[in-house]
Amino acid sequence: MDPRKISDSLSVSPQIAPDDVAKARALGFRAIVCNRPDGEGADQPSFEEIEAAAQAQGMEARYIPVTAGMVRDEDAQAMGVALRELPGPVLAYCRTGTRSATLWSLSEARSRPITDILAMTKAAGYDMNGVARRIANGGKTPTDTGDAKFDVVIVGAGAGGISVASSLKSRKPDLNIALIDPADIHYYQPGWTMVGGGVFDAAVTARTMGELIPRGVHWIKSAVAAFEPSNNAVILDGCRVVKYDRLIVTPGLKLDWGQIDGLVETLGRNGVTSNYRYDLAPYTWELVQGMTGGRAIFSQPPMPIKCAGAPQKAMYLSADAWARRGVLKDIEINFNNAGGVLFGVKDYVPALESYVAKYGIRTNFFHTLIAVDGPARTATFRIARPDTTPETVTVGFDMLHVVPPQVAPDFIRVSPLADAAGWVDVDQNTLRHKSFDNIWSLGDVMNAPNAKTAAAARMQAPVVAQNIADDIDGKGPSASYNGYGSCPLTVERGKIVLAEFGYGGVLLPSFPKFVIDGTKPSRAAWLLKEKLLPPVYWKGMLRGKEWMVKPEKITAKAS
């Protein structure tokens, strides 16, 4: 017997024997459901034998036999009835447990989100993506095979999605392309650091999605529920099905605020803020302006996160504002970083360390924020230094700038597209999926070992567009992504350390040193961030203008 827990009320198992029933009772199970027809295997005990063993243990038993590969809608309904009527927890079994897991998934389709169902069964060792369409349809078998069909479907209309749609259209104007995204508003997220520093107004970082979707590209305003890559299909909420010849996956990542106990309840008040949210970045500046003394804590979670320098940007701009007002001497600034270094590319560390010293910042490495008590104004960190026993510490604050843990979106993590960590599994040079030849990915959601920044997506979009154009033309991929990412580290108002690097931390500067030396703070880099990059984003990147980001050619080594 091998019971695998799916929920608090149900575990499933491969075939059990009568002797296993007593073991199940000892484990706390109170009922058994058999989902395997009698006589399916020569060495299989009958349900009558299992039922007798169950009655001897004071347990209930129910017989809901399902022929392998033929789970009917009425079978799922019967399973749902049984799970409501039987005393729990219940142990269900078939030959491998798959039919039992499938029946549970379909019976729960109307009461649980599909991503939860797929995640719970996956954790138990059962992949339910094969019945994702039925789950999305409320547990019933859909009668349609597809509501729409496109040459290219793009999931996600963020920086990566709109950019790659525009780049594709510029190469193949006649392509029938659909963008899938439920959002009404598109945000220029790199601008939120400047909002939190009092430089930009939040409104300039937002535009309606409708004005940005490229002309001739269909916008499907819906959320994605699941993928069927074997059928070239994307399943939308409500079980609408969109078919494709080629698929691009770029929905960004998920800010997992809920991983930090007590954080959601206090965000935006009690001195707790974050530049990682449009509505909270103005509160950061409000707190900075109002603070005259006390302790300010800036946290950074474990990698990966979007724009790894953003936690420091908020800290330096705040410290600079306090210094200009003459109150910095009365404010203790703590940088509590889950990692062990100030910045992952060593060439930029000396410049950053000089600002840490200038502002009197206390750096606390291997500190991960795990809980916040807003009313009490305390934050709890887990300290896990190498080769030491982890411990926790709770400290008070007057201002707390939080960067939330970040993961792939739920519908990605439970999909066949994901690697073991939940990110879309791609070749790091061509950005083509490793298992599905007609799928590509870019932006924060894929697993190439590059920095997750808007600048990276700007470089990736032409690579994906060119390689898809090559594929349409029957050729191999010709464009290669070198891991480029950029992080303009705002170390004070008017100066930036412009970090630009690729795979392995190799420096990839866009300008000669006499124009901008990225390893040193410069006014020129600040002007680039404040004046040039926003229009480059809105009028260039999102419109397929590939200024300074022409794809590198595939080399023998890259392929």
Protein backbone atom coordinates (compact mmCIF):
# COMPACT_ATOMS: atom_id res chain seq x y z
CA MET A 1 0.00 0.00 0.00
CA ASP A 2 1.29 3.43 -0.98
CA PRO A 3 -1.21 6.13 0.09
CA ARG A 4 -0.51 9.51 -1.48
CA LYS A 5 -2.28 12.47 0.09
CA ILE A 6 -4.13 14.76 -2.29
CA SER A 7 -6.24 16.65 0.24
CA ASP A 8 -7.06 16.43 3.93
CA SER A 9 -10.06 14.29 3.05
CA LEU A 10 -8.57 12.02 0.36
CA SER A 11 -5.48 9.97 -0.37
CA VAL A 12 -5.11 7.68 -3.36
CA SER A 13 -3.11 4.51 -3.78
CA PRO A 14 -2.18 1.83 -6.27
CA GLN A 15 -3.92 -1.53 -5.81
CA ILE A 16 -4.29 -2.60 -2.18
CA ALA A 17 -4.67 -6.07 -0.69
CA PRO A 18 -7.09 -7.14 2.05
CA ASP A 19 -4.21 -7.15 4.55
CA ASP A 20 -3.60 -3.48 3.76
CA VAL A 21 -6.99 -2.44 5.10
CA ALA A 22 -5.92 -2.81 8.72
CA LYS A 23 -2.84 -0.71 7.96
CA ALA A 24 -5.07 1.93 6.40
CA ARG A 25 -7.24 1.98 9.52
CA ALA A 26 -4.13 2.40 11.66
CA LEU A 27 -3.16 5.40 9.51
CA GLY A 28 -6.49 7.01 10.33
CA PHE A 29 -8.51 6.26 7.19
CA ARG A 30 -12.21 5.69 7.84
CA ALA A 31 -13.47 4.67 4.41
CA ILE A 32 -12.22 3.03 1.21
CA VAL A 33 -13.27 3.62 -2.39
CA CYS A 34 -12.42 1.08 -5.09
CA ASN A 35 -12.13 2.56 -8.58
CA ARG A 36 -10.82 -0.59 -10.28
CA PRO A 37 -13.26 -3.02 -11.92
CA ASP A 38 -13.12 -6.59 -10.64
CA GLY A 39 -11.22 -8.98 -12.86
CA GLU A 40 -8.98 -6.39 -14.50
CA GLY A 41 -5.87 -8.28 -13.38
CA ALA A 42 -5.24 -11.93 -12.58
CA ASP A 43 -3.69 -11.17 -9.17
CA GLN A 44 -6.26 -8.56 -8.17
CA PRO A 45 -8.45 -9.10 -5.07
CA SER A 46 -12.15 -8.55 -5.61
CA PHE A 47 -14.00 -5.60 -4.15
CA GLU A 48 -15.98 -8.08 -2.05
CA GLU A 49 -12.75 -9.13 -0.30
CA ILE A 50 -11.72 -5.51 0.31
CA GLU A 51 -15.22 -4.64 1.58
CA ALA A 52 -15.19 -7.55 4.02
CA ALA A 53 -11.78 -6.48 5.36
CA ALA A 54 -13.05 -2.92 5.71
CA GLN A 55 -16.16 -4.00 7.63
CA ALA A 56 -13.96 -6.02 9.96
CA GLN A 57 -12.09 -2.79 10.75
CA GLY A 58 -15.27 -0.77 11.23
CA MET A 59 -14.68 1.10 7.95
CA GLU A 60 -17.05 1.85 5.11
CA ALA A 61 -16.32 0.85 1.52
CA ARG A 62 -17.77 1.89 -1.81
CA TYR A 63 -17.38 0.47 -5.32
CA ILE A 64 -17.08 2.99 -8.20
CA PRO A 65 -15.37 0.97 -10.96
CA VAL A 66 -13.88 2.83 -13.92
CA THR A 67 -12.48 1.22 -17.05
CA ALA A 68 -8.91 2.38 -17.71
CA GLY A 69 -8.85 5.36 -20.06
CA MET A 70 -12.64 5.78 -19.93
CA VAL A 71 -13.47 8.07 -17.02
CA ARG A 72 -17.07 9.14 -17.67
CA ASP A 73 -18.73 12.30 -16.38
CA GLU A 74 -21.16 10.19 -14.34
CA ASP A 75 -18.22 8.38 -12.71
CA ALA A 76 -16.83 11.71 -11.53
CA GLN A 77 -20.23 12.70 -10.20
CA ALA A 78 -20.49 9.41 -8.29
CA MET A 79 -17.03 10.00 -6.83
CA GLY A 80 -18.08 13.44 -5.65
CA VAL A 81 -21.17 12.00 -3.97
CA ALA A 82 -19.10 9.30 -2.26
CA LEU A 83 -16.58 11.78 -0.91
CA ARG A 84 -19.40 13.89 0.51
CA GLU A 85 -21.22 10.95 2.09
CA LEU A 86 -18.39 8.76 3.39
CA PRO A 87 -16.60 9.51 6.67
CA GLY A 88 -13.15 10.90 6.03
CA PRO A 89 -10.37 10.71 5.46
CA VAL A 90 -10.94 8.38 2.52
CA LEU A 91 -8.46 6.09 0.77
CA ALA A 92 -9.28 5.53 -2.91
CA TYR A 93 -7.43 3.08 -5.11
CA CYS A 94 -7.19 1.61 -8.61
CA ARG A 95 -4.30 -0.11 -10.40
CA THR A 96 -1.91 2.86 -10.11
CA GLY A 97 -4.04 5.52 -8.39
CA THR A 98 -4.40 7.59 -11.56
CA ARG A 99 -8.10 6.89 -12.08
CA SER A 100 -8.81 7.77 -8.46
CA ALA A 101 -6.86 11.03 -8.79
CA THR A 102 -8.69 11.80 -12.05
CA LEU A 103 -12.10 11.22 -10.49
CA TRP A 104 -11.24 13.49 -7.58
CA SER A 105 -9.97 16.20 -9.95
CA LEU A 106 -13.16 16.18 -12.01
CA SER A 107 -15.41 16.04 -8.95
CA GLU A 108 -13.65 19.10 -7.49
CA ALA A 109 -13.71 21.12 -10.72
CA ARG A 110 -16.59 23.36 -9.68
CA SER A 111 -15.27 24.09 -6.20
CA ARG A 112 -11.50 24.54 -6.65
CA PRO A 113 -9.38 26.57 -9.10
CA ILE A 114 -7.87 24.40 -11.80
CA THR A 115 -4.37 25.47 -10.79
CA ASP A 116 -4.98 24.17 -7.26
CA ILE A 117 -6.29 20.85 -8.57
CA LEU A 118 -3.31 20.40 -10.90
CA ALA A 119 -0.87 21.38 -8.15
CA MET A 120 -2.39 19.09 -5.51
CA THR A 121 -2.44 16.06 -7.78
CA LYS A 122 1.04 16.82 -9.07
CA ALA A 123 2.35 16.93 -5.50
CA ALA A 124 0.91 13.46 -5.00
CA GLY A 125 2.65 12.21 -8.13
CA TYR A 126 -0.23 12.37 -10.62
CA ASP A 127 -0.21 14.59 -13.71
CA MET A 128 -3.75 15.73 -14.51
CA ASN A 129 -2.89 17.99 -17.45
CA GLY A 130 -4.42 15.40 -19.76
CA VAL A 131 -7.86 16.19 -18.33
CA ALA A 132 -7.23 19.91 -17.81
CA ARG A 133 -9.83 20.83 -20.41
CA ARG A 134 -12.46 18.78 -18.58
CA ILE A 135 -11.50 20.31 -15.25
CA ALA A 136 -11.76 23.78 -16.76
CA ASN A 137 -15.20 22.79 -18.06
CA GLY A 138 -16.48 22.11 -14.58
CA GLY A 139 -15.58 18.42 -14.65
CA LYS A 140 -17.60 17.62 -17.76
CA THR A 141 -16.34 16.47 -21.15
CA PRO A 142 -16.27 19.46 -23.58
CA THR A 143 -18.13 19.03 -26.83
CA ASP A 144 -15.97 21.44 -28.86
CA THR A 145 -12.43 21.00 -30.17
CA GLY A 146 -11.45 24.65 -30.42
CA ASP A 147 -13.01 28.10 -30.41
CA ALA A 148 -10.31 29.85 -32.44
CA LYS A 149 -7.10 29.09 -34.33
CA PHE A 150 -4.08 31.36 -34.94
CA ASP A 151 -0.67 31.11 -36.56
CA VAL A 152 0.95 32.38 -33.35
CA VAL A 153 -0.56 32.66 -29.89
CA ILE A 154 1.22 34.77 -27.28
CA VAL A 155 0.35 34.27 -23.60
CA GLY A 156 0.96 37.49 -21.71
CA ALA A 157 0.75 41.10 -22.93
CA GLY A 158 3.45 42.56 -20.74
CA ALA A 159 6.75 43.97 -21.97
CA GLY A 160 7.77 40.68 -23.55
CA GLY A 161 4.44 39.81 -25.13
CA ILE A 162 3.70 43.12 -26.83
CA SER A 163 7.31 43.53 -27.94
CA VAL A 164 7.57 40.10 -29.51
CA ALA A 165 4.18 40.55 -31.22
CA SER A 166 5.42 43.80 -32.77
CA SER A 167 8.75 42.26 -33.78
CA LEU A 168 6.98 39.30 -35.38
CA LYS A 169 4.60 41.57 -37.28
CA SER A 170 7.53 43.56 -38.64
CA ARG A 171 9.07 40.34 -39.99
CA LYS A 172 5.88 38.55 -41.06
CA PRO A 173 3.11 41.15 -41.57
CA ASP A 174 0.56 38.56 -42.70
CA LEU A 175 0.83 36.39 -39.57
CA ASN A 176 -2.44 35.80 -37.73
CA ILE A 177 -1.39 36.54 -34.13
CA ALA A 178 -3.37 36.51 -30.88
CA LEU A 179 -2.30 38.00 -27.55
CA ILE A 180 -3.97 36.48 -24.47
CA ASP A 181 -4.10 38.65 -21.35
CA PRO A 182 -6.96 39.55 -18.97
CA ALA A 183 -5.46 42.88 -17.83
CA ASP A 184 -6.91 46.27 -18.78
CA ILE A 185 -3.78 48.25 -17.88
CA HIS A 186 -0.17 47.83 -18.99
CA TYR A 187 2.52 49.11 -16.61
CA TYR A 188 6.04 50.40 -17.19
CA GLN A 189 7.31 48.66 -14.08
CA PRO A 190 10.91 49.99 -14.21
CA GLY A 191 9.41 53.41 -13.49
CA TRP A 192 8.08 52.41 -10.07
CA THR A 193 11.52 52.88 -8.49
CA MET A 194 11.36 56.50 -9.61
CA VAL A 195 7.81 56.85 -8.25
CA GLY A 196 9.00 55.59 -4.87
CA GLY A 197 11.84 58.11 -5.04
CA GLY A 198 9.58 61.05 -5.79
CA VAL A 199 10.88 61.48 -9.36
CA PHE A 200 7.94 60.16 -11.43
CA ASP A 201 4.21 60.40 -10.86
CA ALA A 202 2.66 56.92 -10.81
CA ALA A 203 0.22 57.78 -13.59
CA VAL A 204 2.99 58.13 -16.20
CA THR A 205 3.84 54.43 -15.74
CA ALA A 206 0.39 53.18 -16.80
CA ARG A 207 -1.43 53.01 -20.12
CA THR A 208 -4.49 51.14 -21.29
CA MET A 209 -3.81 47.78 -22.90
CA GLY A 210 -5.97 48.60 -25.88
CA GLU A 211 -3.75 51.46 -27.04
CA LEU A 212 -0.63 49.28 -26.97
CA ILE A 213 -1.71 46.05 -28.69
CA PRO A 214 -0.06 46.14 -32.15
CA ARG A 215 -2.35 46.82 -35.09
CA GLY A 216 -3.56 43.61 -36.67
CA VAL A 217 -2.97 41.52 -33.52
CA HIS A 218 -6.05 39.99 -31.88
CA TRP A 219 -6.41 40.63 -28.14
CA ILE A 220 -8.14 37.83 -26.24
CA LYS A 221 -9.02 39.34 -22.89
CA SER A 222 -8.99 36.22 -20.75
CA ALA A 223 -6.90 34.31 -18.24
CA VAL A 224 -5.18 31.05 -19.19
CA ALA A 225 -6.22 27.99 -17.22
CA ALA A 226 -3.95 25.30 -18.71
CA PHE A 227 -1.93 24.14 -21.70
CA GLU A 228 -2.32 21.13 -23.98
CA PRO A 229 0.96 21.21 -25.91
CA SER A 230 0.30 17.79 -27.42
CA ASN A 231 -2.85 19.25 -29.03
CA ASN A 232 -1.37 22.69 -29.77
CA ALA A 233 -4.03 24.20 -27.54
CA VAL A 234 -4.35 26.79 -24.78
CA ILE A 235 -7.30 26.40 -22.42
CA LEU A 236 -8.82 29.62 -21.15
CA ASP A 237 -10.95 30.19 -18.08
CA GLY A 238 -14.40 28.86 -18.84
CA CYS A 239 -12.92 26.09 -21.00
CA ARG A 240 -12.66 28.10 -24.20
CA VAL A 241 -9.94 26.57 -26.35
CA VAL A 242 -7.48 28.50 -28.53
CA LYS A 243 -5.42 26.50 -31.00
CA TYR A 244 -2.06 27.53 -32.43
CA ASP A 245 0.68 26.56 -34.85
CA ARG A 246 3.30 28.23 -32.65
CA LEU A 247 3.10 29.42 -29.06
CA ILE A 248 5.02 32.10 -27.15
CA VAL A 249 4.76 32.04 -23.36
CA THR A 250 5.57 35.28 -21.56
CA PRO A 251 3.15 35.98 -18.67
CA GLY A 252 5.79 37.31 -16.28
CA LEU A 253 6.08 36.00 -12.75
CA LYS A 254 3.94 35.95 -9.61
CA LEU A 255 4.63 38.21 -6.64
CA ASP A 256 3.94 35.84 -3.75
CA TRP A 257 3.06 38.31 -0.99
CA GLY A 258 1.30 35.55 0.95
CA GLN A 259 4.56 33.70 1.62
CA ILE A 260 5.36 36.30 4.29
CA ASP A 261 3.09 35.86 7.29
CA GLY A 262 1.03 38.95 8.10
CA LEU A 263 2.29 40.99 5.13
CA VAL A 264 -0.88 41.15 3.03
CA GLU A 265 -2.89 42.55 5.94
CA THR A 266 -0.53 45.48 6.52
CA LEU A 267 0.65 46.47 3.03
CA GLY A 268 0.13 50.17 2.43
CA ARG A 269 -0.17 51.11 6.10
CA ASN A 270 1.73 50.85 9.37
CA GLY A 271 4.89 51.96 7.56
CA VAL A 272 4.96 48.87 5.30
CA THR A 273 5.41 49.52 1.58
CA SER A 274 6.87 48.17 -1.66
CA ASN A 275 7.91 49.65 -5.00
CA TYR A 276 6.93 46.33 -6.57
CA ARG A 277 3.30 47.41 -6.72
CA TYR A 278 1.84 50.34 -8.66
CA ASP A 279 -0.49 51.43 -5.87
CA LEU A 280 2.18 51.17 -3.17
CA ALA A 281 5.12 53.00 -4.78
CA PRO A 282 3.58 56.42 -3.96
CA TYR A 283 3.29 55.30 -0.32
CA THR A 284 7.04 54.67 -0.31
CA TRP A 285 7.68 58.32 -1.16
CA GLU A 286 5.07 59.41 1.41
CA LEU A 287 6.91 57.48 4.11
CA VAL A 288 10.30 58.82 3.02
CA GLN A 289 9.05 62.38 3.15
CA GLY A 290 7.50 61.95 6.57
CA MET A 291 10.37 60.14 8.25
CA THR A 292 12.67 62.16 10.52
CA GLY A 293 14.15 59.41 12.66
CA GLY A 294 13.98 55.74 13.60
CA ARG A 295 14.75 52.53 11.74
CA ALA A 296 14.12 51.85 8.05
CA ILE A 297 14.47 48.26 6.83
CA PHE A 298 14.79 47.28 3.17
CA SER A 299 14.36 43.55 2.51
CA GLN A 300 15.39 41.34 -0.41
CA PRO A 301 14.09 37.76 -0.78
CA PRO A 302 15.91 34.75 -2.25
CA MET A 303 16.54 34.79 -5.98
CA PRO A 304 15.15 34.77 -8.58
CA ILE A 305 13.37 38.12 -8.48
CA LYS A 306 12.61 40.68 -11.17
CA CYS A 307 15.27 43.39 -11.25
CA ALA A 308 17.63 42.19 -8.54
CA GLY A 309 18.84 45.73 -7.96
CA ALA A 310 15.39 47.17 -7.20
CA PRO A 311 15.56 46.58 -3.42
CA GLN A 312 18.76 48.62 -3.30
CA LYS A 313 17.43 51.32 -5.63
CA ALA A 314 14.61 52.04 -3.18
CA MET A 315 17.09 52.16 -0.31
CA TYR A 316 19.62 54.49 -1.94
CA LEU A 317 16.99 56.95 -3.19
CA SER A 318 15.40 57.04 0.27
CA ALA A 319 18.76 57.55 1.96
CA ASP A 320 19.64 60.34 -0.49
CA ALA A 321 16.34 62.10 0.25
CA TRP A 322 16.99 61.87 3.99
CA ALA A 323 20.54 63.16 3.51
CA ARG A 324 19.26 66.16 1.53
CA ARG A 325 16.80 66.97 4.31
CA GLY A 326 19.46 66.63 6.99
CA VAL A 327 17.77 63.78 8.89
CA LEU A 328 19.92 60.86 7.71
CA LYS A 329 22.00 60.96 10.91
CA ASP A 330 18.85 60.15 12.90
CA ILE A 331 17.77 57.19 10.74
CA GLU A 332 19.18 53.69 11.02
CA ILE A 333 19.04 51.96 7.62
CA ASN A 334 19.17 48.16 7.47
CA PHE A 335 19.52 46.19 4.25
CA ASN A 336 18.35 42.66 5.09
CA ASN A 337 19.25 40.48 2.12
CA ALA A 338 18.48 36.76 1.86
CA GLY A 339 21.60 36.41 -0.31
CA GLY A 340 25.20 36.59 0.69
CA VAL A 341 26.50 39.43 -1.51
CA LEU A 342 25.51 43.02 -2.24
CA PHE A 343 25.19 42.42 -5.99
CA GLY A 344 25.73 39.33 -8.10
CA VAL A 345 28.18 40.87 -10.59
CA LYS A 346 31.36 41.80 -8.71
CA ASP A 347 32.43 44.63 -11.03
CA TYR A 348 29.62 46.85 -9.72
CA VAL A 349 30.07 46.06 -6.02
CA PRO A 350 32.80 48.65 -5.19
CA ALA A 351 30.62 51.57 -6.35
CA LEU A 352 27.65 50.23 -4.39
CA GLU A 353 29.76 49.66 -1.28
CA SER A 354 30.85 53.28 -1.38
CA TYR A 355 27.21 54.35 -1.13
CA VAL A 356 26.53 51.85 1.64
CA ALA A 357 29.32 53.56 3.56
CA LYS A 358 28.19 57.06 2.58
CA TYR A 359 24.67 56.49 3.91
CA GLY A 360 25.76 54.45 6.94
CA ILE A 361 23.72 51.45 5.84
CA ARG A 362 23.94 48.29 7.94
CA THR A 363 24.04 45.23 5.65
CA ASN A 364 22.62 42.00 7.06
CA PHE A 365 23.16 39.10 4.71
CA PHE A 366 21.38 35.71 4.78
CA HIS A 367 18.34 37.44 6.34
CA THR A 368 15.00 36.33 4.84
CA LEU A 369 11.81 38.14 5.84
CA ILE A 370 9.24 35.59 7.03
CA ALA A 371 6.68 37.59 9.03
CA VAL A 372 5.44 41.13 9.60
CA ASP A 373 3.33 42.48 12.45
CA GLY A 374 2.14 45.81 11.09
CA PRO A 375 0.36 47.21 14.17
CA ALA A 376 3.33 46.29 16.36
CA ARG A 377 5.77 47.49 13.68
CA THR A 378 7.98 44.41 13.93
CA ALA A 379 9.53 42.22 11.24
CA THR A 380 10.79 38.68 11.72
CA PHE A 381 13.70 37.33 9.69
CA ARG A 382 15.12 33.84 9.33
CA ILE A 383 18.92 33.97 9.44
CA ALA A 384 20.54 31.05 7.60
CA ARG A 385 24.25 31.63 7.26
CA PRO A 386 26.31 28.86 5.66
CA ASP A 387 27.37 26.10 8.05
CA THR A 388 25.36 27.52 10.94
CA THR A 389 22.09 26.55 12.56
CA PRO A 390 19.27 28.75 11.26
CA GLU A 391 17.74 31.17 13.74
CA THR A 392 15.07 33.86 13.75
CA VAL A 393 15.21 37.45 14.91
CA THR A 394 12.41 39.98 15.34
CA VAL A 395 13.22 43.67 14.99
CA GLY A 396 11.20 46.86 15.17
CA PHE A 397 10.86 49.31 12.30
CA ASP A 398 9.44 52.70 11.49
CA MET A 399 9.52 52.00 7.75
CA LEU A 400 9.70 48.63 6.04
CA HIS A 401 10.20 48.32 2.28
CA VAL A 402 9.37 44.76 1.28
CA VAL A 403 10.29 42.86 -1.86
CA PRO A 404 8.04 39.77 -2.01
CA PRO A 405 9.20 36.25 -2.89
CA GLN A 406 8.65 35.59 -6.57
CA VAL A 407 7.62 32.42 -8.37
CA ALA A 408 6.26 31.39 -11.75
CA PRO A 409 2.49 31.88 -12.14
CA ASP A 410 0.39 28.99 -10.85
CA PHE A 411 -0.86 27.94 -14.30
CA ILE A 412 2.76 27.72 -15.50
CA ARG A 413 4.14 25.82 -12.50
CA VAL A 414 1.58 23.01 -12.87
CA SER A 415 1.84 22.80 -16.66
CA PRO A 416 3.81 20.43 -18.92
CA LEU A 417 5.92 23.43 -19.96
CA ALA A 418 7.62 23.84 -16.58
CA ASP A 419 10.92 22.54 -15.25
CA ALA A 420 11.23 21.09 -11.74
CA ALA A 421 11.36 24.59 -10.24
CA GLY A 422 8.23 25.71 -12.08
CA TRP A 423 9.78 27.93 -14.78
CA VAL A 424 9.27 27.44 -18.54
CA ASP A 425 12.06 25.15 -19.69
CA VAL A 426 13.95 26.70 -22.64
CA ASP A 427 17.26 26.55 -24.42
CA GLN A 428 19.08 29.58 -23.05
CA ASN A 429 20.33 30.73 -26.47
CA THR A 430 17.42 30.13 -28.85
CA LEU A 431 14.71 30.50 -26.13
CA ARG A 432 12.91 27.54 -27.70
CA HIS A 433 11.28 25.03 -25.38
CA LYS A 434 13.42 21.99 -24.72
CA SER A 435 10.57 19.50 -25.22
CA PHE A 436 8.08 21.21 -27.55
CA ASP A 437 9.56 22.47 -30.81
CA ASN A 438 6.74 24.92 -31.58
CA ILE A 439 6.88 26.73 -28.23
CA TRP A 440 9.15 29.63 -27.22
CA SER A 441 9.35 31.72 -24.08
CA LEU A 442 10.84 35.04 -22.97
CA GLY A 443 10.74 37.43 -20.06
CA ASP A 444 10.61 36.65 -16.37
CA VAL A 445 8.79 33.30 -16.67
CA MET A 446 11.47 31.24 -18.42
CA ASN A 447 14.41 29.48 -16.82
CA ALA A 448 17.44 30.85 -18.70
CA PRO A 449 20.02 31.98 -16.10
CA ASN A 450 19.79 35.70 -16.87
CA ALA A 451 18.67 38.69 -14.83
CA LYS A 452 14.90 39.17 -14.93
CA THR A 453 14.67 42.75 -16.19
CA ALA A 454 12.72 44.69 -18.81
CA ALA A 455 16.00 45.26 -20.62
CA ALA A 456 16.42 41.49 -20.89
CA ALA A 457 12.96 41.14 -22.44
CA ARG A 458 13.84 43.94 -24.85
CA MET A 459 16.81 41.90 -26.05
CA GLN A 460 14.93 38.59 -26.06
CA ALA A 461 11.94 39.70 -28.14
CA PRO A 462 13.88 40.05 -31.44
CA VAL A 463 15.59 36.70 -30.78
CA VAL A 464 12.27 34.87 -30.41
CA ALA A 465 10.71 36.76 -33.32
CA GLN A 466 13.61 35.96 -35.64
CA ASN A 467 13.76 32.29 -34.65
CA ILE A 468 10.02 31.86 -35.17
CA ALA A 469 10.31 33.57 -38.57
CA ASP A 470 13.12 31.14 -39.40
CA ASP A 471 10.96 28.22 -38.30
CA ILE A 472 8.07 29.39 -40.49
CA ASP A 473 10.50 29.58 -43.41
CA GLY A 474 11.62 26.01 -42.75
CA LYS A 475 15.07 27.01 -41.51
CA GLY A 476 16.92 26.43 -38.26
CA PRO A 477 17.17 29.22 -35.67
CA SER A 478 19.57 32.00 -36.60
CA ALA A 479 19.32 34.30 -33.55
CA SER A 480 21.04 33.79 -30.20
CA TYR A 481 20.40 35.43 -26.81
CA ASN A 482 23.58 36.19 -24.86
CA GLY A 483 21.93 36.64 -21.46
CA TYR A 484 21.94 40.44 -21.63
CA GLY A 485 20.25 42.27 -18.80
CA SER A 486 20.50 45.80 -17.49
CA CYS A 487 19.95 47.16 -14.01
CA PRO A 488 20.24 50.95 -13.65
CA LEU A 489 21.08 51.22 -9.92
CA THR A 490 19.83 54.61 -8.73
CA VAL A 491 22.41 55.33 -6.02
CA GLU A 492 21.36 58.98 -5.53
CA ARG A 493 19.04 61.45 -7.19
CA GLY A 494 20.92 62.39 -10.33
CA LYS A 495 23.39 59.46 -10.48
CA ILE A 496 23.14 55.84 -11.53
CA VAL A 497 25.46 52.84 -11.65
CA LEU A 498 24.44 51.31 -14.98
CA ALA A 499 24.94 47.56 -14.60
CA GLU A 500 24.84 45.73 -17.94
CA PHE A 501 25.87 42.09 -18.11
CA GLY A 502 25.15 38.74 -19.69
CA TYR A 503 25.46 35.06 -18.89
CA GLY A 504 28.13 34.33 -16.28
CA GLY A 505 28.33 37.98 -15.23
CA VAL A 506 30.18 39.01 -18.39
CA LEU A 507 29.99 42.79 -18.80
CA LEU A 508 28.02 43.87 -21.87
CA PRO A 509 28.13 47.68 -21.92
CA SER A 510 26.02 49.49 -24.50
CA PHE A 511 28.18 52.60 -24.53
CA PRO A 512 31.92 53.38 -24.67
CA LYS A 513 33.46 54.14 -21.28
CA PHE A 514 33.98 57.78 -22.16
CA VAL A 515 30.18 58.09 -22.56
CA ILE A 516 29.03 55.92 -19.64
CA ASP A 517 31.32 53.85 -17.43
CA GLY A 518 28.77 51.49 -15.93
CA THR A 519 30.96 50.55 -12.99
CA LYS A 520 30.89 54.13 -11.68
CA PRO A 521 27.96 56.38 -10.74
CA SER A 522 27.23 58.85 -13.51
CA ARG A 523 24.88 61.69 -14.40
CA ALA A 524 24.66 60.44 -17.98
CA ALA A 525 23.21 57.11 -16.82
CA TRP A 526 20.64 58.99 -14.73
CA LEU A 527 19.53 61.00 -17.76
CA LEU A 528 19.25 57.75 -19.71
CA LYS A 529 16.96 56.29 -17.03
CA GLU A 530 14.89 59.43 -16.44
CA LYS A 531 14.59 60.93 -19.91
CA LEU A 532 15.41 58.37 -22.59
CA LEU A 533 14.33 54.91 -21.44
CA PRO A 534 10.61 55.64 -20.92
CA PRO A 535 10.05 56.84 -24.51
CA VAL A 536 12.30 54.03 -25.78
CA TYR A 537 9.98 51.61 -23.97
CA TRP A 538 6.65 53.09 -25.09
CA LYS A 539 7.60 54.20 -28.60
CA GLY A 540 10.37 51.78 -29.47
CA MET A 541 10.35 48.43 -27.68
CA LEU A 542 6.57 47.94 -27.64
CA ARG A 543 6.33 48.93 -31.29
CA GLY A 544 8.98 46.52 -32.53
CA LYS A 545 11.72 49.12 -33.01
CA GLU A 546 14.82 47.07 -32.30
CA TRP A 547 17.17 49.93 -31.48
CA MET A 548 20.53 48.58 -30.25
CA VAL A 549 19.07 45.08 -29.77
CA LYS A 550 19.57 43.39 -33.11
CA PRO A 551 19.82 39.63 -32.44
CA GLU A 552 23.24 37.99 -32.44
CA LYS A 553 23.73 35.32 -35.05
CA ILE A 554 23.78 31.71 -33.97
CA THR A 555 27.31 30.38 -33.74
CA ALA A 556 28.37 26.76 -33.72
CA LYS A 557 29.07 27.05 -29.98
CA ALA A 558 25.66 28.62 -29.19
CA SER A 559 23.74 25.97 -31.06
